[in-house]
């Protein structure tokens, strides 16, 4: 599936992530990577209606080297929209 990654500056303390679809199924993976040598946090999301049951989370991102990566695990017929921004 499609992959979207966003890097964040060390001055950003938290990041907000919104995933949704246009009433189709949402099947995605959200990863928070913090530096090259730290363990990543990985979350998988599935719902049959990505507009009714969208995902909104806020991650704390202290320090530098933070990356949020969203992967759409659904087939091409089920696109998802991701908004990722500093909080």
PDB file of N, CA and C in Angstrom:
ATOM      1  N   UNK A   1       0.804  -1.183   0.000  1.00  0.00           N
ATOM      2  CA  UNK A   1       0.000   0.000   0.000  1.00  0.00           C
ATOM      3  C   UNK A   1       0.852   1.254   0.000  1.00  0.00           C
ATOM      4  N   UNK A   2       0.190   2.364  -0.064  1.00  0.00           N
ATOM      5  CA  UNK A   2       0.852   3.663  -0.071  1.00  0.00           C
ATOM      6  C   UNK A   2       1.470   3.956   1.287  1.00  0.00           C
ATOM      7  N   UNK A   3       2.626   4.628   1.272  1.00  0.00           N
ATOM      8  CA  UNK A   3       3.352   4.990   2.493  1.00  0.00           C
ATOM      9  C   UNK A   3       3.570   6.495   2.490  1.00  0.00           C
ATOM     10  N   UNK A   4       3.314   7.133   3.627  1.00  0.00           N
ATOM     11  CA  UNK A   4       3.516   8.577   3.776  1.00  0.00           C
ATOM     12  C   UNK A   4       4.284   8.805   5.068  1.00  0.00           C
ATOM     13  N   UNK A   5       5.432   9.478   4.985  1.00  0.00           N
ATOM     14  CA  UNK A   5       6.266   9.757   6.157  1.00  0.00           C
ATOM     15  C   UNK A   5       6.451  11.252   6.318  1.00  0.00           C
ATOM     16  N   UNK A   6       6.463  11.694   7.590  1.00  0.00           N
ATOM     17  CA  UNK A   6       6.674  13.103   7.907  1.00  0.00           C
ATOM     18  C   UNK A   6       7.722  13.200   9.005  1.00  0.00           C
ATOM     19  N   UNK A   7       8.780  13.985   8.768  1.00  0.00           N
ATOM     20  CA  UNK A   7       9.824  14.227   9.762  1.00  0.00           C
ATOM     21  C   UNK A   7       9.468  15.462  10.572  1.00  0.00           C
ATOM     22  N   UNK A   8       9.855  15.458  11.861  1.00  0.00           N
ATOM     23  CA  UNK A   8       9.566  16.594  12.718  1.00  0.00           C
ATOM     24  C   UNK A   8      10.835  17.116  13.375  1.00  0.00           C
ATOM     25  N   UNK A   9      10.873  18.422  13.532  1.00  0.00           N
ATOM     26  CA  UNK A   9      11.985  19.128  14.144  1.00  0.00           C
ATOM     27  C   UNK A   9      12.042  18.823  15.648  1.00  0.00           C
ATOM     28  N   UNK A  10      13.206  19.026  16.260  1.00  0.00           N
ATOM     29  CA  UNK A  10      13.375  18.766  17.692  1.00  0.00           C
ATOM     30  C   UNK A  10      12.528  19.696  18.552  1.00  0.00           C
ATOM     31  N   UNK A  11      12.108  20.832  18.015  1.00  0.00           N
ATOM     32  CA  UNK A  11      11.295  21.776  18.787  1.00  0.00           C
ATOM     33  C   UNK A  11       9.831  21.338  18.915  1.00  0.00           C
ATOM     34  N   UNK A  12       9.407  20.330  18.170  1.00  0.00           N
ATOM     35  CA  UNK A  12       8.025  19.847  18.222  1.00  0.00           C
ATOM     36  C   UNK A  12       7.880  18.868  19.384  1.00  0.00           C
ATOM     37  N   UNK A  13       6.958  19.186  20.315  1.00  0.00           N
ATOM     38  CA  UNK A  13       6.764  18.342  21.498  1.00  0.00           C
ATOM     39  C   UNK A  13       5.695  17.278  21.319  1.00  0.00           C
ATOM     40  N   UNK A  14       4.749  17.516  20.398  1.00  0.00           N
ATOM     41  CA  UNK A  14       3.699  16.525  20.151  1.00  0.00           C
ATOM     42  C   UNK A  14       3.215  16.634  18.714  1.00  0.00           C
ATOM     43  N   UNK A  15       2.696  15.518  18.224  1.00  0.00           N
ATOM     44  CA  UNK A  15       2.254  15.402  16.833  1.00  0.00           C
ATOM     45  C   UNK A  15       0.836  14.849  16.830  1.00  0.00           C
ATOM     46  N   UNK A  16      -0.025  15.435  15.996  1.00  0.00           N
ATOM     47  CA  UNK A  16      -1.386  14.930  15.861  1.00  0.00           C
ATOM     48  C   UNK A  16      -1.549  14.208  14.530  1.00  0.00           C
ATOM     49  N   UNK A  17      -2.263  13.091  14.564  1.00  0.00           N
ATOM     50  CA  UNK A  17      -2.475  12.257  13.378  1.00  0.00           C
ATOM     51  C   UNK A  17      -3.973  11.984  13.248  1.00  0.00           C
ATOM     52  N   UNK A  18      -4.516  12.249  12.056  1.00  0.00           N
ATOM     53  CA  UNK A  18      -5.915  11.956  11.756  1.00  0.00           C
ATOM     54  C   UNK A  18      -5.960  11.064  10.523  1.00  0.00           C
ATOM     55  N   UNK A  19      -6.617   9.917  10.643  1.00  0.00           N
ATOM     56  CA  UNK A  19      -6.822   9.000   9.516  1.00  0.00           C
ATOM     57  C   UNK A  19      -8.318   8.808   9.305  1.00  0.00           C
ATOM     58  N   UNK A  20      -8.749   8.904   8.049  1.00  0.00           N
ATOM     59  CA  UNK A  20     -10.155   8.650   7.742  1.00  0.00           C
ATOM     60  C   UNK A  20     -10.295   8.280   6.268  1.00  0.00           C
ATOM     61  N   UNK A  21     -11.490   7.806   5.922  1.00  0.00           N
ATOM     62  CA  UNK A  21     -11.822   7.475   4.534  1.00  0.00           C
ATOM     63  C   UNK A  21     -13.180   8.086   4.212  1.00  0.00           C
ATOM     64  N   UNK A  22     -13.630   7.889   2.992  1.00  0.00           N
ATOM     65  CA  UNK A  22     -14.957   8.380   2.586  1.00  0.00           C
ATOM     66  C   UNK A  22     -15.980   7.256   2.691  1.00  0.00           C
ATOM     67  N   UNK A  23     -16.260   6.804   3.876  1.00  0.00           N
ATOM     68  CA  UNK A  23     -17.204   5.742   4.251  1.00  0.00           C
ATOM     69  C   UNK A  23     -16.741   4.337   3.867  1.00  0.00           C
ATOM     70  N   UNK A  24     -15.547   4.205   3.329  1.00  0.00           N
ATOM     71  CA  UNK A  24     -15.023   2.874   3.010  1.00  0.00           C
ATOM     72  C   UNK A  24     -14.222   2.353   4.197  1.00  0.00           C
ATOM     73  N   UNK A  25     -13.746   1.111   4.085  1.00  0.00           N
ATOM     74  CA  UNK A  25     -12.982   0.548   5.190  1.00  0.00           C
ATOM     75  C   UNK A  25     -11.638   1.250   5.347  1.00  0.00           C
ATOM     76  N   UNK A  26     -11.200   1.359   6.591  1.00  0.00           N
ATOM     77  CA  UNK A  26      -9.901   1.938   6.922  1.00  0.00           C
ATOM     78  C   UNK A  26      -9.041   0.817   7.471  1.00  0.00           C
ATOM     79  N   UNK A  27      -7.932   0.549   6.808  1.00  0.00           N
ATOM     80  CA  UNK A  27      -6.995  -0.486   7.237  1.00  0.00           C
ATOM     81  C   UNK A  27      -5.604   0.094   7.064  1.00  0.00           C
ATOM     82  N   UNK A  28      -5.008   0.537   8.164  1.00  0.00           N
ATOM     83  CA  UNK A  28      -3.740   1.256   8.074  1.00  0.00           C
ATOM     84  C   UNK A  28      -2.839   0.911   9.253  1.00  0.00           C
ATOM     85  N   UNK A  29      -1.597   1.308   9.097  1.00  0.00           N
ATOM     86  CA  UNK A  29      -0.590   1.123  10.136  1.00  0.00           C
ATOM     87  C   UNK A  29       0.069   2.477  10.386  1.00  0.00           C
ATOM     88  N   UNK A  30       0.157   2.881  11.651  1.00  0.00           N
ATOM     89  CA  UNK A  30       0.796   4.135  12.035  1.00  0.00           C
ATOM     90  C   UNK A  30       2.031   3.787  12.847  1.00  0.00           C
ATOM     91  N   UNK A  31       3.180   4.348  12.460  1.00  0.00           N
ATOM     92  CA  UNK A  31       4.427   4.092  13.181  1.00  0.00           C
ATOM     93  C   UNK A  31       5.017   5.411  13.656  1.00  0.00           C
ATOM     94  N   UNK A  32       5.503   5.419  14.875  1.00  0.00           N
ATOM     95  CA  UNK A  32       6.229   6.556  15.423  1.00  0.00           C
ATOM     96  C   UNK A  32       7.664   6.116  15.627  1.00  0.00           C
ATOM     97  N   UNK A  33       8.566   6.694  14.852  1.00  0.00           N
ATOM     98  CA  UNK A  33       9.988   6.364  14.917  1.00  0.00           C
ATOM     99  C   UNK A  33      10.693   7.501  15.644  1.00  0.00           C
ATOM    100  N   UNK A  34      11.483   7.172  16.649  1.00  0.00           N
ATOM    101  CA  UNK A  34      12.169   8.184  17.432  1.00  0.00           C
ATOM    102  C   UNK A  34      13.660   7.885  17.418  1.00  0.00           C
ATOM    103  N   UNK A  35      14.369   8.479  16.458  1.00  0.00           N
ATOM    104  CA  UNK A  35      15.815   8.273  16.363  1.00  0.00           C
ATOM    105  C   UNK A  35      16.151   6.948  15.722  1.00  0.00           C
ATOM    106  N   UNK A  36      17.399   6.799  15.303  1.00  0.00           N
ATOM    107  CA  UNK A  36      17.792   5.586  14.581  1.00  0.00           C
ATOM    108  C   UNK A  36      17.963   4.354  15.460  1.00  0.00           C
ATOM    109  N   UNK A  37      18.202   4.511  16.758  1.00  0.00           N
ATOM    110  CA  UNK A  37      18.518   3.352  17.596  1.00  0.00           C
ATOM    111  C   UNK A  37      17.448   3.026  18.621  1.00  0.00           C
ATOM    112  N   UNK A  38      16.298   3.662  18.558  1.00  0.00           N
ATOM    113  CA  UNK A  38      15.214   3.403  19.497  1.00  0.00           C
ATOM    114  C   UNK A  38      14.160   2.511  18.868  1.00  0.00           C
ATOM    115  N   UNK A  39      13.410   1.826  19.733  1.00  0.00           N
ATOM    116  CA  UNK A  39      12.321   0.992  19.246  1.00  0.00           C
ATOM    117  C   UNK A  39      11.208   1.873  18.699  1.00  0.00           C
ATOM    118  N   UNK A  40      10.583   1.412  17.624  1.00  0.00           N
ATOM    119  CA  UNK A  40       9.468   2.163  17.066  1.00  0.00           C
ATOM    120  C   UNK A  40       8.168   1.702  17.705  1.00  0.00           C
ATOM    121  N   UNK A  41       7.212   2.615  17.752  1.00  0.00           N
ATOM    122  CA  UNK A  41       5.871   2.292  18.212  1.00  0.00           C
ATOM    123  C   UNK A  41       5.025   2.060  16.966  1.00  0.00           C
ATOM    124  N   UNK A  42       4.310   0.942  16.939  1.00  0.00           N
ATOM    125  CA  UNK A  42       3.532   0.586  15.757  1.00  0.00           C
ATOM    126  C   UNK A  42       2.100   0.271  16.169  1.00  0.00           C
ATOM    127  N   UNK A  43       1.148   0.859  15.439  1.00  0.00           N
ATOM    128  CA  UNK A  43      -0.274   0.662  15.708  1.00  0.00           C
ATOM    129  C   UNK A  43      -0.965   0.293  14.409  1.00  0.00           C
ATOM    130  N   UNK A  44      -1.823  -0.734  14.465  1.00  0.00           N
ATOM    131  CA  UNK A  44      -2.619  -1.100  13.299  1.00  0.00           C
ATOM    132  C   UNK A  44      -4.074  -0.747  13.569  1.00  0.00           C
ATOM    133  N   UNK A  45      -4.729  -0.204  12.557  1.00  0.00           N
ATOM    134  CA  UNK A  45      -6.095   0.290  12.684  1.00  0.00           C
ATOM    135  C   UNK A  45      -6.949  -0.379  11.617  1.00  0.00           C
ATOM    136  N   UNK A  46      -8.136  -0.863  12.010  1.00  0.00           N
ATOM    137  CA  UNK A  46      -9.084  -1.400  11.036  1.00  0.00           C
ATOM    138  C   UNK A  46     -10.494  -1.029  11.472  1.00  0.00           C
ATOM    139  N   UNK A  47     -11.287  -0.549  10.529  1.00  0.00           N
ATOM    140  CA  UNK A  47     -12.709  -0.317  10.736  1.00  0.00           C
ATOM    141  C   UNK A  47     -13.411  -0.421   9.386  1.00  0.00           C
ATOM    142  N   UNK A  48     -14.679  -0.792   9.410  1.00  0.00           N
ATOM    143  CA  UNK A  48     -15.435  -0.933   8.163  1.00  0.00           C
ATOM    144  C   UNK A  48     -15.896   0.394   7.594  1.00  0.00           C
ATOM    145  N   UNK A  49     -15.937   1.450   8.422  1.00  0.00           N
ATOM    146  CA  UNK A  49     -16.374   2.758   7.955  1.00  0.00           C
ATOM    147  C   UNK A  49     -15.389   3.797   8.496  1.00  0.00           C
ATOM    148  N   UNK A  50     -14.467   4.226   7.658  1.00  0.00           N
ATOM    149  CA  UNK A  50     -13.415   5.135   8.078  1.00  0.00           C
ATOM    150  C   UNK A  50     -13.860   6.561   8.280  1.00  0.00           C
ATOM    151  N   UNK A  51     -15.096   6.904   7.911  1.00  0.00           N
ATOM    152  CA  UNK A  51     -15.593   8.248   8.216  1.00  0.00           C
ATOM    153  C   UNK A  51     -16.302   8.240   9.563  1.00  0.00           C
ATOM    154  N   UNK A  52     -17.101   7.218   9.792  1.00  0.00           N
ATOM    155  CA  UNK A  52     -17.819   7.099  11.054  1.00  0.00           C
ATOM    156  C   UNK A  52     -16.861   6.780  12.204  1.00  0.00           C
ATOM    157  N   UNK A  53     -15.860   5.955  11.952  1.00  0.00           N
ATOM    158  CA  UNK A  53     -14.898   5.525  12.966  1.00  0.00           C
ATOM    159  C   UNK A  53     -13.484   5.937  12.564  1.00  0.00           C
ATOM    160  N   UNK A  54     -13.255   7.210  12.417  1.00  0.00           N
ATOM    161  CA  UNK A  54     -11.920   7.684  12.049  1.00  0.00           C
ATOM    162  C   UNK A  54     -10.983   7.579  13.246  1.00  0.00           C
ATOM    163  N   UNK A  55      -9.704   7.751  13.010  1.00  0.00           N
ATOM    164  CA  UNK A  55      -8.695   7.672  14.073  1.00  0.00           C
ATOM    165  C   UNK A  55      -8.055   9.038  14.251  1.00  0.00           C
ATOM    166  N   UNK A  56      -8.022   9.525  15.488  1.00  0.00           N
ATOM    167  CA  UNK A  56      -7.327  10.762  15.829  1.00  0.00           C
ATOM    168  C   UNK A  56      -6.500  10.492  17.069  1.00  0.00           C
ATOM    169  N   UNK A  57      -5.181  10.654  16.975  1.00  0.00           N
ATOM    170  CA  UNK A  57      -4.284  10.448  18.111  1.00  0.00           C
ATOM    171  C   UNK A  57      -3.284  11.593  18.188  1.00  0.00           C
ATOM    172  N   UNK A  58      -2.765  11.799  19.387  1.00  0.00           N
ATOM    173  CA  UNK A  58      -1.698  12.766  19.609  1.00  0.00           C
ATOM    174  C   UNK A  58      -0.542  12.017  20.269  1.00  0.00           C
ATOM    175  N   UNK A  59       0.632  12.081  19.643  1.00  0.00           N
ATOM    176  CA  UNK A  59       1.828  11.432  20.165  1.00  0.00           C
ATOM    177  C   UNK A  59       2.745  12.475  20.791  1.00  0.00           C
ATOM    178  N   UNK A  60       3.327  12.161  21.947  1.00  0.00           N
ATOM    179  CA  UNK A  60       4.396  12.982  22.493  1.00  0.00           C
ATOM    180  C   UNK A  60       5.668  12.647  21.734  1.00  0.00           C
ATOM    181  N   UNK A  61       6.392  13.677  21.299  1.00  0.00           N
ATOM    182  CA  UNK A  61       7.595  13.466  20.493  1.00  0.00           C
ATOM    183  C   UNK A  61       8.759  14.281  21.055  1.00  0.00           C
ATOM    184  N   UNK A  62       9.252  13.922  22.233  1.00  0.00           N
ATOM    185  CA  UNK A  62      10.376  14.674  22.798  1.00  0.00           C
ATOM    186  C   UNK A  62      11.673  14.365  22.064  1.00  0.00           C
ATOM    187  N   UNK A  63      12.552  15.342  22.006  1.00  0.00           N
ATOM    188  CA  UNK A  63      13.858  15.123  21.384  1.00  0.00           C
ATOM    189  C   UNK A  63      13.825  15.273  19.879  1.00  0.00           C
ATOM    190  N   UNK A  64      14.903  14.819  19.260  1.00  0.00           N
ATOM    191  CA  UNK A  64      15.035  14.968  17.811  1.00  0.00           C
ATOM    192  C   UNK A  64      14.921  13.619  17.114  1.00  0.00           C
ATOM    193  N   UNK A  65      14.794  13.669  15.786  1.00  0.00           N
ATOM    194  CA  UNK A  65      14.755  12.448  14.985  1.00  0.00           C
ATOM    195  C   UNK A  65      13.410  11.766  14.966  1.00  0.00           C
ATOM    196  N   UNK A  66      12.331  12.504  15.158  1.00  0.00           N
ATOM    197  CA  UNK A  66      10.989  11.904  15.177  1.00  0.00           C
ATOM    198  C   UNK A  66      10.384  11.863  13.780  1.00  0.00           C
ATOM    199  N   UNK A  67       9.833  10.700  13.433  1.00  0.00           N
ATOM    200  CA  UNK A  67       9.185  10.499  12.140  1.00  0.00           C
ATOM    201  C   UNK A  67       7.871   9.765  12.379  1.00  0.00           C
ATOM    202  N   UNK A  68       6.807  10.234  11.745  1.00  0.00           N
ATOM    203  CA  UNK A  68       5.532   9.518  11.742  1.00  0.00           C
ATOM    204  C   UNK A  68       5.344   8.950  10.346  1.00  0.00           C
ATOM    205  N   UNK A  69       5.093   7.641  10.281  1.00  0.00           N
ATOM    206  CA  UNK A  69       4.918   6.961   8.992  1.00  0.00           C
ATOM    207  C   UNK A  69       3.565   6.265   8.984  1.00  0.00           C
ATOM    208  N   UNK A  70       2.774   6.529   7.955  1.00  0.00           N
ATOM    209  CA  UNK A  70       1.457   5.913   7.801  1.00  0.00           C
ATOM    210  C   UNK A  70       1.486   5.042   6.552  1.00  0.00           C
ATOM    211  N   UNK A  71       1.059   3.787   6.696  1.00  0.00           N
ATOM    212  CA  UNK A  71       0.994   2.843   5.582  1.00  0.00           C
ATOM    213  C   UNK A  71      -0.449   2.381   5.414  1.00  0.00           C
ATOM    214  N   UNK A  72      -0.986   2.527   4.208  1.00  0.00           N
ATOM    215  CA  UNK A  72      -2.323   2.028   3.907  1.00  0.00           C
ATOM    216  C   UNK A  72      -2.206   0.540   3.593  1.00  0.00           C
ATOM    217  N   UNK A  73      -2.801  -0.289   4.444  1.00  0.00           N
ATOM    218  CA  UNK A  73      -2.737  -1.739   4.262  1.00  0.00           C
ATOM    219  C   UNK A  73      -3.870  -2.267   3.388  1.00  0.00           C
ATOM    220  N   UNK A  74      -4.828  -1.419   3.088  1.00  0.00           N
ATOM    221  CA  UNK A  74      -5.984  -1.819   2.273  1.00  0.00           C
ATOM    222  C   UNK A  74      -5.611  -1.819   0.790  1.00  0.00           C
ATOM    223  N   UNK A  75      -6.397  -2.503  -0.026  1.00  0.00           N
ATOM    224  CA  UNK A  75      -6.155  -2.479  -1.474  1.00  0.00           C
ATOM    225  C   UNK A  75      -6.362  -1.074  -2.046  1.00  0.00           C
ATOM    226  N   UNK A  76      -5.968  -0.897  -3.276  1.00  0.00           N
ATOM    227  CA  UNK A  76      -6.036   0.400  -3.958  1.00  0.00           C
ATOM    228  C   UNK A  76      -7.454   0.969  -3.982  1.00  0.00           C
ATOM    229  N   UNK A  77      -8.461   0.109  -3.968  1.00  0.00           N
ATOM    230  CA  UNK A  77      -9.848   0.556  -4.020  1.00  0.00           C
ATOM    231  C   UNK A  77     -10.306   1.229  -2.726  1.00  0.00           C
ATOM    232  N   UNK A  78      -9.506   1.125  -1.655  1.00  0.00           N
ATOM    233  CA  UNK A  78      -9.860   1.674  -0.346  1.00  0.00           C
ATOM    234  C   UNK A  78      -8.799   2.671   0.108  1.00  0.00           C
ATOM    235  N   UNK A  79      -8.731   3.843  -0.529  1.00  0.00           N
ATOM    236  CA  UNK A  79      -7.714   4.825  -0.123  1.00  0.00           C
ATOM    237  C   UNK A  79      -8.068   5.451   1.227  1.00  0.00           C
ATOM    238  N   UNK A  80      -7.037   5.841   1.968  1.00  0.00           N
ATOM    239  CA  UNK A  80      -7.276   6.557   3.216  1.00  0.00           C
ATOM    240  C   UNK A  80      -6.579   7.908   3.147  1.00  0.00           C
ATOM    241  N   UNK A  81      -7.090   8.819   3.934  1.00  0.00           N
ATOM    242  CA  UNK A  81      -6.515  10.161   3.987  1.00  0.00           C
ATOM    243  C   UNK A  81      -5.844  10.326   5.339  1.00  0.00           C
ATOM    244  N   UNK A  82      -4.646  10.914   5.339  1.00  0.00           N
ATOM    245  CA  UNK A  82      -3.883  11.116   6.570  1.00  0.00           C
ATOM    246  C   UNK A  82      -3.498  12.570   6.689  1.00  0.00           C
ATOM    247  N   UNK A  83      -3.796  13.146   7.847  1.00  0.00           N
ATOM    248  CA  UNK A  83      -3.345  14.498   8.175  1.00  0.00           C
ATOM    249  C   UNK A  83      -2.414  14.385   9.367  1.00  0.00           C
ATOM    250  N   UNK A  84      -1.200  14.847   9.195  1.00  0.00           N
ATOM    251  CA  UNK A  84      -0.177  14.754  10.234  1.00  0.00           C
ATOM    252  C   UNK A  84       0.401  16.152  10.423  1.00  0.00           C
ATOM    253  N   UNK A  85       0.349  16.664  11.661  1.00  0.00           N
ATOM    254  CA  UNK A  85       0.844  18.021  11.926  1.00  0.00           C
ATOM    255  C   UNK A  85       1.313  18.123  13.369  1.00  0.00           C
ATOM    256  N   UNK A  86       2.124  19.122  13.637  1.00  0.00           N
ATOM    257  CA  UNK A  86       2.542  19.358  15.016  1.00  0.00           C
ATOM    258  C   UNK A  86       1.347  19.885  15.803  1.00  0.00           C
ATOM    259  N   UNK A  87       1.287  19.499  17.069  1.00  0.00           N
ATOM    260  CA  UNK A  87       0.139  19.893  17.910  1.00  0.00           C
ATOM    261  C   UNK A  87       0.438  21.157  18.684  1.00  0.00           C
TER     262      UNK A  87
END
